Amino acid sequence: MAILGWLFIAAGVVFFLMGTIALLRFPDLFTRLHALTKADNLGLGMIAAGLALQAGSALLALKFLLIWVLVMLASASVSHLIARTARHSQNLREHKS
């Protein structure tokens, strides 16, 4: 279980790294936001799963998974608000021209 946990953690770190690269490489806010939310949620999920496998107690494993679920909910809400605000600002700029 320890080896499987470390594999999950390593895979999660790779997904975080890919999200960071996407943040730097993608051309606009919407594609960056999409890549970040997908890669970071999956990366955190894999890290939480790896830590849950190594936790040693069911309560601690449940806490790791609960943290992942709460971060996913917050991430979805915040990314929606950022995208909506960006779209609204874009519409205002187009309307003024």
PDB file of N, CA and C in Angstrom:
ATOM      1  N   MET A   1       0.822  -1.198   0.000  1.00  0.00           N
ATOM      2  CA  MET A   1       0.000   0.000   0.000  1.00  0.00           C
ATOM      3  C   MET A   1       0.867   1.264   0.000  1.00  0.00           C
ATOM      4  N   ALA A   2       2.009   1.195   0.649  1.00  0.00           N
ATOM      5  CA  ALA A   2       2.887   2.365   0.704  1.00  0.00           C
ATOM      6  C   ALA A   2       3.395   2.721  -0.687  1.00  0.00           C
ATOM      7  N   ILE A   3       3.762   1.727  -1.463  1.00  0.00           N
ATOM      8  CA  ILE A   3       4.266   1.991  -2.821  1.00  0.00           C
ATOM      9  C   ILE A   3       3.148   2.561  -3.693  1.00  0.00           C
ATOM     10  N   LEU A   4       1.962   1.992  -3.581  1.00  0.00           N
ATOM     11  CA  LEU A   4       0.825   2.504  -4.351  1.00  0.00           C
ATOM     12  C   LEU A   4       0.501   3.944  -3.936  1.00  0.00           C
ATOM     13  N   GLY A   5       0.590   4.218  -2.647  1.00  0.00           N
ATOM     14  CA  GLY A   5       0.367   5.587  -2.170  1.00  0.00           C
ATOM     15  C   GLY A   5       1.371   6.559  -2.757  1.00  0.00           C
ATOM     16  N   TRP A   6       2.644   6.163  -2.791  1.00  0.00           N
ATOM     17  CA  TRP A   6       3.668   7.037  -3.370  1.00  0.00           C
ATOM     18  C   TRP A   6       3.471   7.215  -4.872  1.00  0.00           C
ATOM     19  N   LEU A   7       2.986   6.187  -5.546  1.00  0.00           N
ATOM     20  CA  LEU A   7       2.704   6.326  -6.986  1.00  0.00           C
ATOM     21  C   LEU A   7       1.578   7.338  -7.230  1.00  0.00           C
ATOM     22  N   PHE A   8       0.541   7.271  -6.394  1.00  0.00           N
ATOM     23  CA  PHE A   8      -0.543   8.247  -6.511  1.00  0.00           C
ATOM     24  C   PHE A   8      -0.027   9.668  -6.246  1.00  0.00           C
ATOM     25  N   ILE A   9       0.798   9.822  -5.231  1.00  0.00           N
ATOM     26  CA  ILE A   9       1.337  11.137  -4.903  1.00  0.00           C
ATOM     27  C   ILE A   9       2.204  11.666  -6.046  1.00  0.00           C
ATOM     28  N   ALA A  10       3.044  10.800  -6.609  1.00  0.00           N
ATOM     29  CA  ALA A  10       3.898  11.221  -7.722  1.00  0.00           C
ATOM     30  C   ALA A  10       3.058  11.612  -8.941  1.00  0.00           C
ATOM     31  N   ALA A  11       2.007  10.848  -9.220  1.00  0.00           N
ATOM     32  CA  ALA A  11       1.126  11.188 -10.338  1.00  0.00           C
ATOM     33  C   ALA A  11       0.423  12.517 -10.080  1.00  0.00           C
ATOM     34  N   GLY A  12       0.024  12.770  -8.836  1.00  0.00           N
ATOM     35  CA  GLY A  12      -0.607  14.045  -8.490  1.00  0.00           C
ATOM     36  C   GLY A  12       0.330  15.223  -8.702  1.00  0.00           C
ATOM     37  N   VAL A  13       1.595  15.044  -8.341  1.00  0.00           N
ATOM     38  CA  VAL A  13       2.581  16.101  -8.553  1.00  0.00           C
ATOM     39  C   VAL A  13       2.757  16.371 -10.044  1.00  0.00           C
ATOM     40  N   VAL A  14       2.733  15.319 -10.854  1.00  0.00           N
ATOM     41  CA  VAL A  14       2.849  15.497 -12.309  1.00  0.00           C
ATOM     42  C   VAL A  14       1.666  16.303 -12.839  1.00  0.00           C
ATOM     43  N   PHE A  15       0.464  16.028 -12.339  1.00  0.00           N
ATOM     44  CA  PHE A  15      -0.704  16.794 -12.793  1.00  0.00           C
ATOM     45  C   PHE A  15      -0.616  18.255 -12.357  1.00  0.00           C
ATOM     46  N   PHE A  16      -0.121  18.513 -11.145  1.00  0.00           N
ATOM     47  CA  PHE A  16       0.089  19.901 -10.722  1.00  0.00           C
ATOM     48  C   PHE A  16       1.104  20.589 -11.635  1.00  0.00           C
ATOM     49  N   LEU A  17       2.160  19.889 -11.990  1.00  0.00           N
ATOM     50  CA  LEU A  17       3.172  20.451 -12.875  1.00  0.00           C
ATOM     51  C   LEU A  17       2.590  20.759 -14.255  1.00  0.00           C
ATOM     52  N   MET A  18       1.774  19.849 -14.783  1.00  0.00           N
ATOM     53  CA  MET A  18       1.138  20.097 -16.084  1.00  0.00           C
ATOM     54  C   MET A  18       0.194  21.293 -16.024  1.00  0.00           C
ATOM     55  N   GLY A  19      -0.524  21.451 -14.919  1.00  0.00           N
ATOM     56  CA  GLY A  19      -1.395  22.617 -14.765  1.00  0.00           C
ATOM     57  C   GLY A  19      -0.611  23.913 -14.734  1.00  0.00           C
ATOM     58  N   THR A  20       0.549  23.877 -14.086  1.00  0.00           N
ATOM     59  CA  THR A  20       1.399  25.068 -14.033  1.00  0.00           C
ATOM     60  C   THR A  20       1.953  25.410 -15.408  1.00  0.00           C
ATOM     61  N   ILE A  21       2.364  24.415 -16.144  1.00  0.00           N
ATOM     62  CA  ILE A  21       2.859  24.641 -17.503  1.00  0.00           C
ATOM     63  C   ILE A  21       1.745  25.191 -18.388  1.00  0.00           C
ATOM     64  N   ALA A  22       0.535  24.656 -18.225  1.00  0.00           N
ATOM     65  CA  ALA A  22      -0.605  25.157 -19.006  1.00  0.00           C
ATOM     66  C   ALA A  22      -0.895  26.613 -18.668  1.00  0.00           C
ATOM     67  N   LEU A  23      -0.752  26.978 -17.401  1.00  0.00           N
ATOM     68  CA  LEU A  23      -0.967  28.365 -17.001  1.00  0.00           C
ATOM     69  C   LEU A  23      -0.007  29.298 -17.716  1.00  0.00           C
ATOM     70  N   LEU A  24       1.206  28.844 -17.909  1.00  0.00           N
ATOM     71  CA  LEU A  24       2.209  29.677 -18.558  1.00  0.00           C
ATOM     72  C   LEU A  24       2.110  29.651 -20.083  1.00  0.00           C
ATOM     73  N   ARG A  25       1.603  28.576 -20.659  1.00  0.00           N
ATOM     74  CA  ARG A  25       1.652  28.392 -22.106  1.00  0.00           C
ATOM     75  C   ARG A  25       0.369  28.748 -22.849  1.00  0.00           C
ATOM     76  N   PHE A  26      -0.786  28.577 -22.219  1.00  0.00           N
ATOM     77  CA  PHE A  26      -2.036  28.778 -22.946  1.00  0.00           C
ATOM     78  C   PHE A  26      -2.290  30.258 -23.194  1.00  0.00           C
ATOM     79  N   PRO A  27      -3.003  30.589 -24.288  1.00  0.00           N
ATOM     80  CA  PRO A  27      -3.074  31.973 -24.752  1.00  0.00           C
ATOM     81  C   PRO A  27      -4.038  32.889 -23.998  1.00  0.00           C
ATOM     82  N   ASP A  28      -5.151  32.383 -23.504  1.00  0.00           N
ATOM     83  CA  ASP A  28      -6.118  33.293 -22.899  1.00  0.00           C
ATOM     84  C   ASP A  28      -6.606  32.769 -21.554  1.00  0.00           C
ATOM     85  N   LEU A  29      -7.369  33.604 -20.883  1.00  0.00           N
ATOM     86  CA  LEU A  29      -7.827  33.305 -19.540  1.00  0.00           C
ATOM     87  C   LEU A  29      -8.671  32.040 -19.489  1.00  0.00           C
ATOM     88  N   PHE A  30      -9.547  31.863 -20.442  1.00  0.00           N
ATOM     89  CA  PHE A  30     -10.501  30.755 -20.378  1.00  0.00           C
ATOM     90  C   PHE A  30      -9.811  29.398 -20.547  1.00  0.00           C
ATOM     91  N   THR A  31      -8.863  29.296 -21.463  1.00  0.00           N
ATOM     92  CA  THR A  31      -8.151  28.028 -21.614  1.00  0.00           C
ATOM     93  C   THR A  31      -7.230  27.778 -20.425  1.00  0.00           C
ATOM     94  N   ARG A  32      -6.632  28.823 -19.893  1.00  0.00           N
ATOM     95  CA  ARG A  32      -5.792  28.669 -18.698  1.00  0.00           C
ATOM     96  C   ARG A  32      -6.623  28.217 -17.513  1.00  0.00           C
ATOM     97  N   LEU A  33      -7.770  28.820 -17.343  1.00  0.00           N
ATOM     98  CA  LEU A  33      -8.647  28.473 -16.240  1.00  0.00           C
ATOM     99  C   LEU A  33      -9.125  27.027 -16.342  1.00  0.00           C
ATOM    100  N   HIS A  34      -9.490  26.619 -17.540  1.00  0.00           N
ATOM    101  CA  HIS A  34      -9.935  25.247 -17.756  1.00  0.00           C
ATOM    102  C   HIS A  34      -8.825  24.253 -17.425  1.00  0.00           C
ATOM    103  N   ALA A  35      -7.641  24.511 -17.933  1.00  0.00           N
ATOM    104  CA  ALA A  35      -6.523  23.591 -17.691  1.00  0.00           C
ATOM    105  C   ALA A  35      -6.151  23.546 -16.215  1.00  0.00           C
ATOM    106  N   LEU A  36      -6.134  24.686 -15.580  1.00  0.00           N
ATOM    107  CA  LEU A  36      -5.770  24.721 -14.153  1.00  0.00           C
ATOM    108  C   LEU A  36      -6.768  23.969 -13.293  1.00  0.00           C
ATOM    109  N   THR A  37      -8.039  24.194 -13.508  1.00  0.00           N
ATOM    110  CA  THR A  37      -9.024  23.542 -12.651  1.00  0.00           C
ATOM    111  C   THR A  37      -9.019  22.037 -12.867  1.00  0.00           C
ATOM    112  N   LYS A  38      -8.893  21.599 -14.092  1.00  0.00           N
ATOM    113  CA  LYS A  38      -8.877  20.156 -14.348  1.00  0.00           C
ATOM    114  C   LYS A  38      -7.626  19.496 -13.785  1.00  0.00           C
ATOM    115  N   ALA A  39      -6.469  20.058 -14.099  1.00  0.00           N
ATOM    116  CA  ALA A  39      -5.215  19.441 -13.672  1.00  0.00           C
ATOM    117  C   ALA A  39      -5.052  19.510 -12.155  1.00  0.00           C
ATOM    118  N   ASP A  40      -5.397  20.639 -11.558  1.00  0.00           N
ATOM    119  CA  ASP A  40      -5.215  20.772 -10.117  1.00  0.00           C
ATOM    120  C   ASP A  40      -6.197  19.908  -9.333  1.00  0.00           C
ATOM    121  N   ASN A  41      -7.428  19.812  -9.789  1.00  0.00           N
ATOM    122  CA  ASN A  41      -8.384  18.940  -9.091  1.00  0.00           C
ATOM    123  C   ASN A  41      -7.969  17.482  -9.175  1.00  0.00           C
ATOM    124  N   LEU A  42      -7.538  17.051 -10.339  1.00  0.00           N
ATOM    125  CA  LEU A  42      -7.093  15.670 -10.475  1.00  0.00           C
ATOM    126  C   LEU A  42      -5.800  15.442  -9.698  1.00  0.00           C
ATOM    127  N   GLY A  43      -4.893  16.395  -9.742  1.00  0.00           N
ATOM    128  CA  GLY A  43      -3.643  16.271  -8.995  1.00  0.00           C
ATOM    129  C   GLY A  43      -3.887  16.190  -7.500  1.00  0.00           C
ATOM    130  N   LEU A  44      -4.751  17.059  -6.985  1.00  0.00           N
ATOM    131  CA  LEU A  44      -5.059  17.019  -5.559  1.00  0.00           C
ATOM    132  C   LEU A  44      -5.785  15.730  -5.191  1.00  0.00           C
ATOM    133  N   GLY A  45      -6.655  15.262  -6.070  1.00  0.00           N
ATOM    134  CA  GLY A  45      -7.349  14.000  -5.812  1.00  0.00           C
ATOM    135  C   GLY A  45      -6.384  12.832  -5.713  1.00  0.00           C
ATOM    136  N   MET A  46      -5.401  12.815  -6.603  1.00  0.00           N
ATOM    137  CA  MET A  46      -4.418  11.733  -6.550  1.00  0.00           C
ATOM    138  C   MET A  46      -3.532  11.836  -5.308  1.00  0.00           C
ATOM    139  N   ILE A  47      -3.150  13.042  -4.946  1.00  0.00           N
ATOM    140  CA  ILE A  47      -2.351  13.210  -3.735  1.00  0.00           C
ATOM    141  C   ILE A  47      -3.172  12.827  -2.505  1.00  0.00           C
ATOM    142  N   ALA A  48      -4.423  13.231  -2.455  1.00  0.00           N
ATOM    143  CA  ALA A  48      -5.285  12.856  -1.328  1.00  0.00           C
ATOM    144  C   ALA A  48      -5.475  11.345  -1.263  1.00  0.00           C
ATOM    145  N   ALA A  49      -5.636  10.706  -2.422  1.00  0.00           N
ATOM    146  CA  ALA A  49      -5.777   9.246  -2.434  1.00  0.00           C
ATOM    147  C   ALA A  49      -4.493   8.573  -1.958  1.00  0.00           C
ATOM    148  N   GLY A  50      -3.357   9.085  -2.411  1.00  0.00           N
ATOM    149  CA  GLY A  50      -2.084   8.524  -1.968  1.00  0.00           C
ATOM    150  C   GLY A  50      -1.866   8.691  -0.480  1.00  0.00           C
ATOM    151  N   LEU A  51      -2.218   9.855   0.047  1.00  0.00           N
ATOM    152  CA  LEU A  51      -2.091  10.072   1.487  1.00  0.00           C
ATOM    153  C   LEU A  51      -3.094   9.239   2.267  1.00  0.00           C
ATOM    154  N   ALA A  52      -4.288   9.058   1.701  1.00  0.00           N
ATOM    155  CA  ALA A  52      -5.297   8.228   2.365  1.00  0.00           C
ATOM    156  C   ALA A  52      -4.834   6.774   2.443  1.00  0.00           C
ATOM    157  N   LEU A  53      -4.155   6.304   1.398  1.00  0.00           N
ATOM    158  CA  LEU A  53      -3.637   4.930   1.431  1.00  0.00           C
ATOM    159  C   LEU A  53      -2.547   4.766   2.488  1.00  0.00           C
ATOM    160  N   GLN A  54      -1.828   5.819   2.762  1.00  0.00           N
ATOM    161  CA  GLN A  54      -0.746   5.757   3.736  1.00  0.00           C
ATOM    162  C   GLN A  54      -1.170   6.220   5.126  1.00  0.00           C
ATOM    163  N   ALA A  55      -2.399   6.641   5.298  1.00  0.00           N
ATOM    164  CA  ALA A  55      -2.841   7.273   6.538  1.00  0.00           C
ATOM    165  C   ALA A  55      -2.781   6.340   7.743  1.00  0.00           C
ATOM    166  N   GLY A  56      -3.168   5.121   7.577  1.00  0.00           N
ATOM    167  CA  GLY A  56      -3.153   4.203   8.703  1.00  0.00           C
ATOM    168  C   GLY A  56      -4.448   4.172   9.502  1.00  0.00           C
ATOM    169  N   SER A  57      -5.292   5.171   9.333  1.00  0.00           N
ATOM    170  CA  SER A  57      -6.596   5.153  10.006  1.00  0.00           C
ATOM    171  C   SER A  57      -7.663   5.600   9.018  1.00  0.00           C
ATOM    172  N   ALA A  58      -8.831   5.027   9.184  1.00  0.00           N
ATOM    173  CA  ALA A  58      -9.930   5.341   8.275  1.00  0.00           C
ATOM    174  C   ALA A  58     -10.387   6.794   8.463  1.00  0.00           C
ATOM    175  N   LEU A  59     -10.332   7.291   9.686  1.00  0.00           N
ATOM    176  CA  LEU A  59     -10.765   8.670   9.935  1.00  0.00           C
ATOM    177  C   LEU A  59      -9.856   9.675   9.239  1.00  0.00           C
ATOM    178  N   LEU A  60      -8.558   9.450   9.307  1.00  0.00           N
ATOM    179  CA  LEU A  60      -7.618  10.346   8.638  1.00  0.00           C
ATOM    180  C   LEU A  60      -7.772  10.261   7.119  1.00  0.00           C
ATOM    181  N   ALA A  61      -7.971   9.055   6.596  1.00  0.00           N
ATOM    182  CA  ALA A  61      -8.197   8.885   5.156  1.00  0.00           C
ATOM    183  C   ALA A  61      -9.461   9.613   4.721  1.00  0.00           C
ATOM    184  N   LEU A  62     -10.495   9.533   5.525  1.00  0.00           N
ATOM    185  CA  LEU A  62     -11.742  10.234   5.214  1.00  0.00           C
ATOM    186  C   LEU A  62     -11.542  11.745   5.217  1.00  0.00           C
ATOM    187  N   LYS A  63     -10.719  12.242   6.122  1.00  0.00           N
ATOM    188  CA  LYS A  63     -10.431  13.679   6.165  1.00  0.00           C
ATOM    189  C   LYS A  63      -9.719  14.136   4.893  1.00  0.00           C
ATOM    190  N   PHE A  64      -8.767  13.333   4.407  1.00  0.00           N
ATOM    191  CA  PHE A  64      -8.081  13.683   3.165  1.00  0.00           C
ATOM    192  C   PHE A  64      -9.060  13.737   2.000  1.00  0.00           C
ATOM    193  N   LEU A  65      -9.942  12.776   1.920  1.00  0.00           N
ATOM    194  CA  LEU A  65     -10.917  12.759   0.822  1.00  0.00           C
ATOM    195  C   LEU A  65     -11.936  13.890   0.954  1.00  0.00           C
ATOM    196  N   LEU A  66     -12.292  14.239   2.193  1.00  0.00           N
ATOM    197  CA  LEU A  66     -13.205  15.359   2.411  1.00  0.00           C
ATOM    198  C   LEU A  66     -12.557  16.682   1.987  1.00  0.00           C
ATOM    199  N   ILE A  67     -11.279  16.840   2.281  1.00  0.00           N
ATOM    200  CA  ILE A  67     -10.551  18.038   1.837  1.00  0.00           C
ATOM    201  C   ILE A  67     -10.591  18.134   0.323  1.00  0.00           C
ATOM    202  N   TRP A  68     -10.381  17.015  -0.360  1.00  0.00           N
ATOM    203  CA  TRP A  68     -10.405  17.013  -1.831  1.00  0.00           C
ATOM    204  C   TRP A  68     -11.778  17.425  -2.357  1.00  0.00           C
ATOM    205  N   VAL A  69     -12.830  16.897  -1.778  1.00  0.00           N
ATOM    206  CA  VAL A  69     -14.186  17.236  -2.235  1.00  0.00           C
ATOM    207  C   VAL A  69     -14.475  18.722  -2.005  1.00  0.00           C
ATOM    208  N   LEU A  70     -14.091  19.245  -0.844  1.00  0.00           N
ATOM    209  CA  LEU A  70     -14.336  20.658  -0.562  1.00  0.00           C
ATOM    210  C   LEU A  70     -13.541  21.569  -1.495  1.00  0.00           C
ATOM    211  N   VAL A  71     -12.315  21.195  -1.794  1.00  0.00           N
ATOM    212  CA  VAL A  71     -11.507  21.990  -2.725  1.00  0.00           C
ATOM    213  C   VAL A  71     -12.112  21.931  -4.126  1.00  0.00           C
ATOM    214  N   MET A  72     -12.630  20.780  -4.525  1.00  0.00           N
ATOM    215  CA  MET A  72     -13.277  20.692  -5.845  1.00  0.00           C
ATOM    216  C   MET A  72     -14.489  21.610  -5.925  1.00  0.00           C
ATOM    217  N   LEU A  73     -15.292  21.637  -4.876  1.00  0.00           N
ATOM    218  CA  LEU A  73     -16.463  22.520  -4.873  1.00  0.00           C
ATOM    219  C   LEU A  73     -16.051  23.988  -4.916  1.00  0.00           C
ATOM    220  N   ALA A  74     -15.057  24.341  -4.123  1.00  0.00           N
ATOM    221  CA  ALA A  74     -14.586  25.724  -4.113  1.00  0.00           C
ATOM    222  C   ALA A  74     -13.961  26.094  -5.446  1.00  0.00           C
ATOM    223  N   SER A  75     -13.199  25.194  -6.023  1.00  0.00           N
ATOM    224  CA  SER A  75     -12.543  25.455  -7.306  1.00  0.00           C
ATOM    225  C   SER A  75     -13.569  25.677  -8.417  1.00  0.00           C
ATOM    226  N   ALA A  76     -14.602  24.860  -8.430  1.00  0.00           N
ATOM    227  CA  ALA A  76     -15.638  25.024  -9.453  1.00  0.00           C
ATOM    228  C   ALA A  76     -16.342  26.367  -9.304  1.00  0.00           C
ATOM    229  N   SER A  77     -16.650  26.738  -8.080  1.00  0.00           N
ATOM    230  CA  SER A  77     -17.336  28.010  -7.848  1.00  0.00           C
ATOM    231  C   SER A  77     -16.458  29.201  -8.214  1.00  0.00           C
ATOM    232  N   VAL A  78     -15.210  29.166  -7.787  1.00  0.00           N
ATOM    233  CA  VAL A  78     -14.314  30.291  -8.038  1.00  0.00           C
ATOM    234  C   VAL A  78     -13.996  30.412  -9.528  1.00  0.00           C
ATOM    235  N   SER A  79     -13.761  29.291 -10.190  1.00  0.00           N
ATOM    236  CA  SER A  79     -13.455  29.374 -11.623  1.00  0.00           C
ATOM    237  C   SER A  79     -14.662  29.882 -12.409  1.00  0.00           C
ATOM    238  N   HIS A  80     -15.856  29.510 -11.997  1.00  0.00           N
ATOM    239  CA  HIS A  80     -17.059  30.031 -12.656  1.00  0.00           C
ATOM    240  C   HIS A  80     -17.169  31.547 -12.458  1.00  0.00           C
ATOM    241  N   LEU A  81     -16.901  32.008 -11.253  1.00  0.00           N
ATOM    242  CA  LEU A  81     -16.965  33.447 -10.987  1.00  0.00           C
ATOM    243  C   LEU A  81     -15.911  34.217 -11.769  1.00  0.00           C
ATOM    244  N   ILE A  82     -14.702  33.674 -11.856  1.00  0.00           N
ATOM    245  CA  ILE A  82     -13.636  34.329 -12.619  1.00  0.00           C
ATOM    246  C   ILE A  82     -14.016  34.405 -14.094  1.00  0.00           C
ATOM    247  N   ALA A  83     -14.503  33.302 -14.645  1.00  0.00           N
ATOM    248  CA  ALA A  83     -14.880  33.280 -16.063  1.00  0.00           C
ATOM    249  C   ALA A  83     -16.041  34.226 -16.340  1.00  0.00           C
ATOM    250  N   ARG A  84     -17.014  34.244 -15.446  1.00  0.00           N
ATOM    251  CA  ARG A  84     -18.167  35.128 -15.643  1.00  0.00           C
ATOM    252  C   ARG A  84     -17.758  36.597 -15.568  1.00  0.00           C
ATOM    253  N   THR A  85     -16.875  36.916 -14.626  1.00  0.00           N
ATOM    254  CA  THR A  85     -16.399  38.291 -14.503  1.00  0.00           C
ATOM    255  C   THR A  85     -15.578  38.703 -15.719  1.00  0.00           C
ATOM    256  N   ALA A  86     -14.744  37.804 -16.207  1.00  0.00           N
ATOM    257  CA  ALA A  86     -13.943  38.100 -17.401  1.00  0.00           C
ATOM    258  C   ALA A  86     -14.836  38.302 -18.613  1.00  0.00           C
ATOM    259  N   ARG A  87     -15.840  37.470 -18.751  1.00  0.00           N
ATOM    260  CA  ARG A  87     -16.775  37.604 -19.880  1.00  0.00           C
ATOM    261  C   ARG A  87     -17.551  38.916 -19.783  1.00  0.00           C
ATOM    262  N   HIS A  88     -17.966  39.259 -18.581  1.00  0.00           N
ATOM    263  CA  HIS A  88     -18.689  40.513 -18.379  1.00  0.00           C
ATOM    264  C   HIS A  88     -17.794  41.713 -18.703  1.00  0.00           C
ATOM    265  N   SER A  89     -16.545  41.680 -18.265  1.00  0.00           N
ATOM    266  CA  SER A  89     -15.607  42.768 -18.574  1.00  0.00           C
ATOM    267  C   SER A  89     -15.352  42.857 -20.070  1.00  0.00           C
ATOM    268  N   GLN A  90     -15.262  41.708 -20.722  1.00  0.00           N
ATOM    269  CA  GLN A  90     -15.042  41.679 -22.167  1.00  0.00           C
ATOM    270  C   GLN A  90     -16.239  42.292 -22.898  1.00  0.00           C
ATOM    271  N   ASN A  91     -17.436  41.982 -22.446  1.00  0.00           N
ATOM    272  CA  ASN A  91     -18.643  42.550 -23.067  1.00  0.00           C
ATOM    273  C   ASN A  91     -18.721  44.052 -22.852  1.00  0.00           C
ATOM    274  N   LEU A  92     -18.296  44.516 -21.661  1.00  0.00           N
ATOM    275  CA  LEU A  92     -18.305  45.968 -21.412  1.00  0.00           C
ATOM    276  C   LEU A  92     -17.315  46.692 -22.318  1.00  0.00           C
ATOM    277  N   ARG A  93     -16.140  46.107 -22.502  1.00  0.00           N
ATOM    278  CA  ARG A  93     -15.150  46.744 -23.382  1.00  0.00           C
ATOM    279  C   ARG A  93     -15.635  46.786 -24.814  1.00  0.00           C
ATOM    280  N   GLU A  94     -16.292  45.736 -25.279  1.00  0.00           N
ATOM    281  CA  GLU A  94     -16.796  45.713 -26.651  1.00  0.00           C
ATOM    282  C   GLU A  94     -17.927  46.712 -26.826  1.00  0.00           C
ATOM    283  N   HIS A  95     -18.724  46.881 -25.797  1.00  0.00           N
ATOM    284  CA  HIS A  95     -19.870  47.800 -25.867  1.00  0.00           C
ATOM    285  C   HIS A  95     -19.402  49.257 -25.907  1.00  0.00           C
ATOM    286  N   LYS A  96     -18.310  49.575 -25.200  1.00  0.00           N
ATOM    287  CA  LYS A  96     -17.790  50.937 -25.187  1.00  0.00           C
ATOM    288  C   LYS A  96     -17.152  51.339 -26.513  1.00  0.00           C
ATOM    289  N   SER A  97     -16.630  50.375 -27.261  1.00  0.00           N
ATOM    290  CA  SER A  97     -15.941  50.734 -28.520  1.00  0.00           C
ATOM    291  C   SER A  97     -16.886  51.049 -29.633  1.00  0.00           C
TER     292      SER A  97
END
